[in-house]
PDB file of N, CA and C in Angstrom:
ATOM      1  N   MET A   1    -134.826 -65.475 -96.647  1.00  0.00           N
ATOM      2  CA  MET A   1    -134.107 -66.688 -97.231  1.00  0.00           C
ATOM      3  C   MET A   1    -132.996 -67.038 -96.524  1.00  0.00           C
ATOM      4  N   THR A   2    -132.666 -68.209 -96.329  1.00  0.00           N
ATOM      5  CA  THR A   2    -131.640 -68.701 -95.350  1.00  0.00           C
ATOM      6  C   THR A   2    -130.444 -68.938 -96.245  1.00  0.00           C
ATOM      7  N   THR A   3    -129.124 -68.888 -95.603  1.00  0.00           N
ATOM      8  CA  THR A   3    -127.861 -69.181 -96.317  1.00  0.00           C
ATOM      9  C   THR A   3    -127.764 -70.418 -96.987  1.00  0.00           C
ATOM     10  N   THR A   4    -128.355 -71.476 -96.204  1.00  0.00           N
ATOM     11  CA  THR A   4    -128.195 -72.901 -96.795  1.00  0.00           C
ATOM     12  C   THR A   4    -129.070 -72.979 -98.049  1.00  0.00           C
ATOM     13  N   SER A   5    -130.258 -72.301 -98.279  1.00  0.00           N
ATOM     14  CA  SER A   5    -131.066 -72.468 -99.415  1.00  0.00           C
ATOM     15  C   SER A   5    -130.498 -71.626-100.535  1.00  0.00           C
ATOM     16  N   THR A   6    -129.638 -70.615-100.322  1.00  0.00           N
ATOM     17  CA  THR A   6    -129.054 -69.902-101.504  1.00  0.00           C
ATOM     18  C   THR A   6    -127.592 -70.123-101.787  1.00  0.00           C
ATOM     19  N   GLU A   7    -126.916 -71.082-100.940  1.00  0.00           N
ATOM     20  CA  GLU A   7    -125.563 -71.347-101.068  1.00  0.00           C
ATOM     21  C   GLU A   7    -125.188 -71.831-102.531  1.00  0.00           C
ATOM     22  N   THR A   8    -124.321 -71.219-103.151  1.00  0.00           N
ATOM     23  CA  THR A   8    -124.053 -71.792-104.534  1.00  0.00           C
ATOM     24  C   THR A   8    -122.455 -71.997-104.567  1.00  0.00           C
ATOM     25  N   GLY A   9    -121.906 -72.189-103.417  1.00  0.00           N
ATOM     26  CA  GLY A   9    -120.571 -72.557-103.519  1.00  0.00           C
ATOM     27  C   GLY A   9    -119.517 -71.682-102.821  1.00  0.00           C
ATOM     28  N   ASN A  10    -120.104 -70.353-102.625  1.00  0.00           N
ATOM     29  CA  ASN A  10    -119.510 -69.345-102.003  1.00  0.00           C
ATOM     30  C   ASN A  10    -118.814 -69.751-100.491  1.00  0.00           C
ATOM     31  N   ILE A  11    -119.836 -70.427 -99.695  1.00  0.00           N
ATOM     32  CA  ILE A  11    -119.290 -70.916 -98.439  1.00  0.00           C
ATOM     33  C   ILE A  11    -118.655 -72.241 -98.495  1.00  0.00           C
ATOM     34  N   THR A  12    -119.102 -73.335 -99.181  1.00  0.00           N
ATOM     35  CA  THR A  12    -118.517 -74.480 -99.173  1.00  0.00           C
ATOM     36  C   THR A  12    -117.298 -74.749-100.127  1.00  0.00           C
ATOM     37  N   GLY A  13    -117.296 -73.880-101.094  1.00  0.00           N
ATOM     38  CA  GLY A  13    -116.323 -74.049-102.164  1.00  0.00           C
ATOM     39  C   GLY A  13    -116.719 -75.026-103.109  1.00  0.00           C
ATOM     40  N   THR A  14    -117.823 -75.481-103.088  1.00  0.00           N
ATOM     41  CA  THR A  14    -118.344 -76.653-104.049  1.00  0.00           C
ATOM     42  C   THR A  14    -119.625 -76.109-104.694  1.00  0.00           C
ATOM     43  N   LYS A  15    -119.604 -75.873-105.938  1.00  0.00           N
ATOM     44  CA  LYS A  15    -120.828 -75.542-106.705  1.00  0.00           C
ATOM     45  C   LYS A  15    -121.954 -76.429-106.493  1.00  0.00           C
ATOM     46  N   ASP A  16    -123.313 -75.788-106.457  1.00  0.00           N
ATOM     47  CA  ASP A  16    -124.414 -76.759-106.351  1.00  0.00           C
ATOM     48  C   ASP A  16    -124.395 -77.872-107.132  1.00  0.00           C
ATOM     49  N   LYS A  17    -124.091 -77.717-108.458  1.00  0.00           N
ATOM     50  CA  LYS A  17    -124.230 -79.062-109.279  1.00  0.00           C
ATOM     51  C   LYS A  17    -123.313 -79.893-108.922  1.00  0.00           C
ATOM     52  N   ASP A  18    -122.118 -79.811-108.447  1.00  0.00           N
ATOM     53  CA  ASP A  18    -121.000 -80.670-108.062  1.00  0.00           C
ATOM     54  C   ASP A  18    -121.603 -81.351-106.689  1.00  0.00           C
ATOM     55  N   TYR A  19    -121.865 -80.455-105.807  1.00  0.00           N
ATOM     56  CA  TYR A  19    -122.527 -80.827-104.526  1.00  0.00           C
ATOM     57  C   TYR A  19    -123.669 -81.881-104.728  1.00  0.00           C
ATOM     58  N   ASN A  20    -124.643 -81.531-105.394  1.00  0.00           N
ATOM     59  CA  ASN A  20    -125.742 -82.389-105.831  1.00  0.00           C
ATOM     60  C   ASN A  20    -125.339 -83.749-106.237  1.00  0.00           C
ATOM     61  N   LEU A  21    -124.356 -83.772-107.099  1.00  0.00           N
ATOM     62  CA  LEU A  21    -123.760 -85.072-107.733  1.00  0.00           C
ATOM     63  C   LEU A  21    -123.192 -85.842-106.455  1.00  0.00           C
ATOM     64  N   ILE A  22    -122.490 -85.249-105.657  1.00  0.00           N
ATOM     65  CA  ILE A  22    -121.887 -85.847-104.656  1.00  0.00           C
ATOM     66  C   ILE A  22    -123.001 -86.356-103.549  1.00  0.00           C
ATOM     67  N   TRP A  23    -123.843 -85.491-103.353  1.00  0.00           N
ATOM     68  CA  TRP A  23    -124.975 -85.934-102.440  1.00  0.00           C
ATOM     69  C   TRP A  23    -125.764 -87.132-102.936  1.00  0.00           C
ATOM     70  N   TYR A  24    -125.997 -87.079-104.254  1.00  0.00           N
ATOM     71  CA  TYR A  24    -126.871 -88.219-104.997  1.00  0.00           C
ATOM     72  C   TYR A  24    -125.907 -89.534-104.736  1.00  0.00           C
ATOM     73  N   THR A  25    -124.655 -89.444-105.100  1.00  0.00           N
ATOM     74  CA  THR A  25    -124.068 -90.659-105.026  1.00  0.00           C
ATOM     75  C   THR A  25    -123.909 -91.231-103.741  1.00  0.00           C
ATOM     76  N   GLN A  26    -123.645 -90.348-102.761  1.00  0.00           N
ATOM     77  CA  GLN A  26    -123.551 -90.785-101.328  1.00  0.00           C
ATOM     78  C   GLN A  26    -124.970 -91.268-100.998  1.00  0.00           C
ATOM     79  N   ALA A  27    -126.011 -90.785-101.259  1.00  0.00           N
ATOM     80  CA  ALA A  27    -127.376 -91.404-100.907  1.00  0.00           C
ATOM     81  C   ALA A  27    -127.629 -92.721-101.474  1.00  0.00           C
ATOM     82  N   CYS A  28    -127.127 -92.889-102.750  1.00  0.00           N
ATOM     83  CA  CYS A  28    -127.260 -94.247-103.395  1.00  0.00           C
ATOM     84  C   CYS A  28    -126.500 -95.190-102.753  1.00  0.00           C
ATOM     85  N   LEU A  29    -125.366 -94.913-102.341  1.00  0.00           N
ATOM     86  CA  LEU A  29    -124.424 -95.855-101.556  1.00  0.00           C
ATOM     87  C   LEU A  29    -125.080 -96.113-100.158  1.00  0.00           C
ATOM     88  N   ASP A  30    -125.624 -95.108 -99.417  1.00  0.00           N
ATOM     89  CA  ASP A  30    -126.230 -95.396 -98.139  1.00  0.00           C
ATOM     90  C   ASP A  30    -127.487 -96.227 -98.254  1.00  0.00           C
ATOM     91  N   ASN A  31    -128.193 -96.096 -99.343  1.00  0.00           N
ATOM     92  CA  ASN A  31    -129.361 -96.764 -99.720  1.00  0.00           C
ATOM     93  C   ASN A  31    -128.955 -98.267-100.024  1.00  0.00           C
ATOM     94  N   ALA A  32    -128.016 -98.474-100.688  1.00  0.00           N
ATOM     95  CA  ALA A  32    -127.483 -99.916-100.933  1.00  0.00           C
ATOM     96  C   ALA A  32    -127.094-100.597 -99.592  1.00  0.00           C
ATOM     97  N   LEU A  33    -126.449 -99.841 -98.804  1.00  0.00           N
ATOM     98  CA  LEU A  33    -126.225-100.395 -97.499  1.00  0.00           C
ATOM     99  C   LEU A  33    -127.362-100.742 -96.655  1.00  0.00           C
ATOM    100  N   ARG A  34    -128.287 -99.977 -96.510  1.00  0.00           N
ATOM    101  CA  ARG A  34    -129.467-100.055 -95.768  1.00  0.00           C
ATOM    102  C   ARG A  34    -130.412-101.090 -96.361  1.00  0.00           C
ATOM    103  N   LEU A  35    -130.466-101.243 -97.667  1.00  0.00           N
ATOM    104  CA  LEU A  35    -131.312-102.378 -98.345  1.00  0.00           C
ATOM    105  C   LEU A  35    -130.758-103.753 -97.897  1.00  0.00           C
ATOM    106  N   GLU A  36    -129.359-103.803 -97.722  1.00  0.00           N
ATOM    107  CA  GLU A  36    -128.843-105.186 -97.294  1.00  0.00           C
ATOM    108  C   GLU A  36    -129.441-105.700 -95.866  1.00  0.00           C
ATOM    109  N   THR A  37    -129.684-104.598 -95.029  1.00  0.00           N
ATOM    110  CA  THR A  37    -130.269-105.000 -93.850  1.00  0.00           C
ATOM    111  C   THR A  37    -131.724-105.468 -94.127  1.00  0.00           C
ATOM    112  N   TYR A  38    -132.528-104.743 -94.986  1.00  0.00           N
ATOM    113  CA  TYR A  38    -133.810-105.121 -95.268  1.00  0.00           C
ATOM    114  C   TYR A  38    -133.845-106.520 -95.903  1.00  0.00           C
ATOM    115  N   ILE A  39    -132.960-106.915 -96.720  1.00  0.00           N
ATOM    116  CA  ILE A  39    -132.903-108.069 -97.445  1.00  0.00           C
ATOM    117  C   ILE A  39    -132.681-109.235 -96.261  1.00  0.00           C
ATOM    118  N   GLN A  40    -131.747-108.918 -95.509  1.00  0.00           N
ATOM    119  CA  GLN A  40    -131.539-109.971 -94.424  1.00  0.00           C
ATOM    120  C   GLN A  40    -132.734-110.228 -93.577  1.00  0.00           C
ATOM    121  N   ASP A  41    -133.412-109.055 -93.371  1.00  0.00           N
ATOM    122  CA  ASP A  41    -134.590-109.230 -92.300  1.00  0.00           C
ATOM    123  C   ASP A  41    -135.744-109.915 -93.039  1.00  0.00           C
ATOM    124  N   ALA A  42    -135.939-109.732 -94.337  1.00  0.00           N
ATOM    125  CA  ALA A  42    -136.905-110.358 -95.217  1.00  0.00           C
ATOM    126  C   ALA A  42    -136.575-111.956 -95.363  1.00  0.00           C
ATOM    127  N   GLU A  43    -135.314-112.101 -95.589  1.00  0.00           N
ATOM    128  CA  GLU A  43    -134.973-113.582 -95.663  1.00  0.00           C
ATOM    129  C   GLU A  43    -135.034-114.376 -94.387  1.00  0.00           C
ATOM    130  N   ARG A  44    -134.764-113.757 -93.237  1.00  0.00           N
ATOM    131  CA  ARG A  44    -134.947-114.256 -91.759  1.00  0.00           C
ATOM    132  C   ARG A  44    -136.431-114.545 -91.757  1.00  0.00           C
ATOM    133  N   ASP A  45    -137.330-113.672 -92.176  1.00  0.00           N
ATOM    134  CA  ASP A  45    -138.676-113.926 -91.917  1.00  0.00           C
ATOM    135  C   ASP A  45    -139.350-114.835 -92.952  1.00  0.00           C
ATOM    136  N   GLY A  46    -138.450-115.412 -93.942  1.00  0.00           N
ATOM    137  CA  GLY A  46    -138.968-116.294 -95.102  1.00  0.00           C
ATOM    138  C   GLY A  46    -139.827-115.523 -96.129  1.00  0.00           C
ATOM    139  N   ASP A  47    -139.704-114.138 -96.258  1.00  0.00           N
ATOM    140  CA  ASP A  47    -140.343-113.341 -97.230  1.00  0.00           C
ATOM    141  C   ASP A  47    -139.593-113.187 -98.499  1.00  0.00           C
ATOM    142  N   SER A  48    -139.556-113.941 -99.335  1.00  0.00           N
ATOM    143  CA  SER A  48    -138.734-113.983-100.540  1.00  0.00           C
ATOM    144  C   SER A  48    -139.297-112.918-101.483  1.00  0.00           C
ATOM    145  N   GLU A  49    -140.430-112.505-101.505  1.00  0.00           N
ATOM    146  CA  GLU A  49    -141.099-111.487-102.299  1.00  0.00           C
ATOM    147  C   GLU A  49    -140.460-110.269-101.935  1.00  0.00           C
ATOM    148  N   ALA A  50    -140.488-109.861-100.620  1.00  0.00           N
ATOM    149  CA  ALA A  50    -139.848-108.594-100.196  1.00  0.00           C
ATOM    150  C   ALA A  50    -138.447-108.710-100.377  1.00  0.00           C
ATOM    151  N   ALA A  51    -137.728-109.785-100.129  1.00  0.00           N
ATOM    152  CA  ALA A  51    -136.385-109.844-100.212  1.00  0.00           C
ATOM    153  C   ALA A  51    -135.926-109.604-101.733  1.00  0.00           C
ATOM    154  N   ASP A  52    -136.748-109.983-102.710  1.00  0.00           N
ATOM    155  CA  ASP A  52    -136.480-109.809-104.300  1.00  0.00           C
ATOM    156  C   ASP A  52    -136.680-108.235-104.471  1.00  0.00           C
ATOM    157  N   LEU A  53    -137.744-107.808-103.946  1.00  0.00           N
ATOM    158  CA  LEU A  53    -137.987-106.334-104.012  1.00  0.00           C
ATOM    159  C   LEU A  53    -136.714-105.469-103.696  1.00  0.00           C
ATOM    160  N   PHE A  54    -136.328-105.778-102.403  1.00  0.00           N
ATOM    161  CA  PHE A  54    -135.121-104.992-101.906  1.00  0.00           C
ATOM    162  C   PHE A  54    -133.797-105.414-102.581  1.00  0.00           C
ATOM    163  N   ARG A  55    -133.639-106.567-103.338  1.00  0.00           N
ATOM    164  CA  ARG A  55    -132.487-106.813-104.121  1.00  0.00           C
ATOM    165  C   ARG A  55    -132.593-105.955-105.425  1.00  0.00           C
ATOM    166  N   LYS A  56    -133.766-105.799-105.815  1.00  0.00           N
ATOM    167  CA  LYS A  56    -133.888-104.958-107.109  1.00  0.00           C
ATOM    168  C   LYS A  56    -133.586-103.489-106.703  1.00  0.00           C
ATOM    169  N   ALA A  57    -134.189-103.063-105.727  1.00  0.00           N
ATOM    170  CA  ALA A  57    -133.788-101.816-105.245  1.00  0.00           C
ATOM    171  C   ALA A  57    -132.369-101.481-104.988  1.00  0.00           C
ATOM    172  N   GLN A  58    -131.757-102.447-104.363  1.00  0.00           N
ATOM    173  CA  GLN A  58    -130.300-102.372-104.074  1.00  0.00           C
ATOM    174  C   GLN A  58    -129.551-102.441-105.444  1.00  0.00           C
ATOM    175  N   ALA A  59    -129.836-103.193-106.383  1.00  0.00           N
ATOM    176  CA  ALA A  59    -129.083-103.070-107.595  1.00  0.00           C
ATOM    177  C   ALA A  59    -129.144-101.676-108.300  1.00  0.00           C
ATOM    178  N   ASP A  60    -130.589-101.215-108.241  1.00  0.00           N
ATOM    179  CA  ASP A  60    -130.762 -99.869-108.819  1.00  0.00           C
ATOM    180  C   ASP A  60    -129.875 -98.828-108.090  1.00  0.00           C
ATOM    181  N   SER A  61    -129.731 -99.048-106.818  1.00  0.00           N
ATOM    182  CA  SER A  61    -129.044 -97.994-105.993  1.00  0.00           C
ATOM    183  C   SER A  61    -127.573 -98.061-106.256  1.00  0.00           C
ATOM    184  N   ARG A  62    -127.027 -99.225-106.586  1.00  0.00           N
ATOM    185  CA  ARG A  62    -125.594 -99.478-106.872  1.00  0.00           C
ATOM    186  C   ARG A  62    -125.463 -98.951-108.277  1.00  0.00           C
ATOM    187  N   LYS A  63    -126.341 -99.084-109.166  1.00  0.00           N
ATOM    188  CA  LYS A  63    -126.106 -98.452-110.490  1.00  0.00           C
ATOM    189  C   LYS A  63    -126.271 -97.093-110.402  1.00  0.00           C
ATOM    190  N   GLY A  64    -127.037 -96.347-109.699  1.00  0.00           N
ATOM    191  CA  GLY A  64    -127.079 -94.936-109.457  1.00  0.00           C
ATOM    192  C   GLY A  64    -125.760 -94.465-108.830  1.00  0.00           C
ATOM    193  N   ALA A  65    -125.245 -95.247-107.951  1.00  0.00           N
ATOM    194  CA  ALA A  65    -123.988 -94.923-107.377  1.00  0.00           C
ATOM    195  C   ALA A  65    -122.785 -94.934-108.227  1.00  0.00           C
ATOM    196  N   GLU A  66    -122.816 -95.903-109.232  1.00  0.00           N
ATOM    197  CA  GLU A  66    -121.741 -96.042-110.043  1.00  0.00           C
ATOM    198  C   GLU A  66    -121.742 -94.937-111.177  1.00  0.00           C
ATOM    199  N   GLN A  67    -123.048 -94.660-111.565  1.00  0.00           N
ATOM    200  CA  GLN A  67    -123.261 -93.590-112.656  1.00  0.00           C
ATOM    201  C   GLN A  67    -122.891 -92.212-111.883  1.00  0.00           C
ATOM    202  N   GLY A  68    -123.208 -92.078-110.718  1.00  0.00           N
ATOM    203  CA  GLY A  68    -122.811 -90.821-110.015  1.00  0.00           C
ATOM    204  C   GLY A  68    -121.274 -90.581-110.018  1.00  0.00           C
ATOM    205  N   LYS A  69    -120.608 -91.706-109.514  1.00  0.00           N
ATOM    206  CA  LYS A  69    -119.092 -91.726-109.586  1.00  0.00           C
ATOM    207  C   LYS A  69    -118.527 -91.385-110.859  1.00  0.00           C
ATOM    208  N   ALA A  70    -118.988 -92.111-111.816  1.00  0.00           N
ATOM    209  CA  ALA A  70    -118.446 -91.857-113.173  1.00  0.00           C
ATOM    210  C   ALA A  70    -118.656 -90.273-113.571  1.00  0.00           C
ATOM    211  N   LEU A  71    -119.766 -89.632-113.357  1.00  0.00           N
ATOM    212  CA  LEU A  71    -120.073 -88.372-113.715  1.00  0.00           C
ATOM    213  C   LEU A  71    -119.084 -87.505-112.934  1.00  0.00           C
ATOM    214  N   LEU A  72    -119.050 -87.773-111.530  1.00  0.00           N
ATOM    215  CA  LEU A  72    -118.157 -87.049-110.832  1.00  0.00           C
ATOM    216  C   LEU A  72    -116.805 -87.022-111.286  1.00  0.00           C
ATOM    217  N   ARG A  73    -116.247 -88.282-111.467  1.00  0.00           N
ATOM    218  CA  ARG A  73    -114.987 -88.451-111.969  1.00  0.00           C
ATOM    219  C   ARG A  73    -114.586 -87.587-113.229  1.00  0.00           C
ATOM    220  N   SER A  74    -115.492 -87.570-114.185  1.00  0.00           N
ATOM    221  CA  SER A  74    -115.280 -86.987-115.382  1.00  0.00           C
ATOM    222  C   SER A  74    -115.305 -85.421-115.151  1.00  0.00           C
ATOM    223  N   ARG A  75    -116.294 -85.019-114.357  1.00  0.00           N
ATOM    224  CA  ARG A  75    -116.401 -83.557-114.129  1.00  0.00           C
ATOM    225  C   ARG A  75    -115.301 -82.921-113.285  1.00  0.00           C
ATOM    226  N   LEU A  76    -114.819 -83.716-112.198  1.00  0.00           N
ATOM    227  CA  LEU A  76    -113.920 -83.128-111.177  1.00  0.00           C
ATOM    228  C   LEU A  76    -112.518 -83.191-111.786  1.00  0.00           C
ATOM    229  N   SER A  77    -112.219 -84.275-112.632  1.00  0.00           N
ATOM    230  CA  SER A  77    -110.855 -84.344-113.199  1.00  0.00           C
ATOM    231  C   SER A  77    -110.512 -83.515-114.264  1.00  0.00           C
ATOM    232  N   GLY A  78    -111.602 -82.874-114.858  1.00  0.00           N
ATOM    233  CA  GLY A  78    -111.523 -81.826-116.039  1.00  0.00           C
ATOM    234  C   GLY A  78    -111.290 -80.596-115.964  1.00  0.00           C
TER     235      GLY A  78
END
């Protein structure tokens, strides 16, 4: 077993559950940014169906990021 698969905060100083929340929030934010490019690409090609799909996914990613930030805020401030 490798160290990275068993790391529980001893090396990083961040417990897995907190790290997982940080990762999740960051992934949602990255996804929202990436989807903006996809929306623009679809709009440029006149594909409103794909653009709408990407907008919905972007909204979901933003919502996930906000939820992750709120949970992190409550857990790390306490």
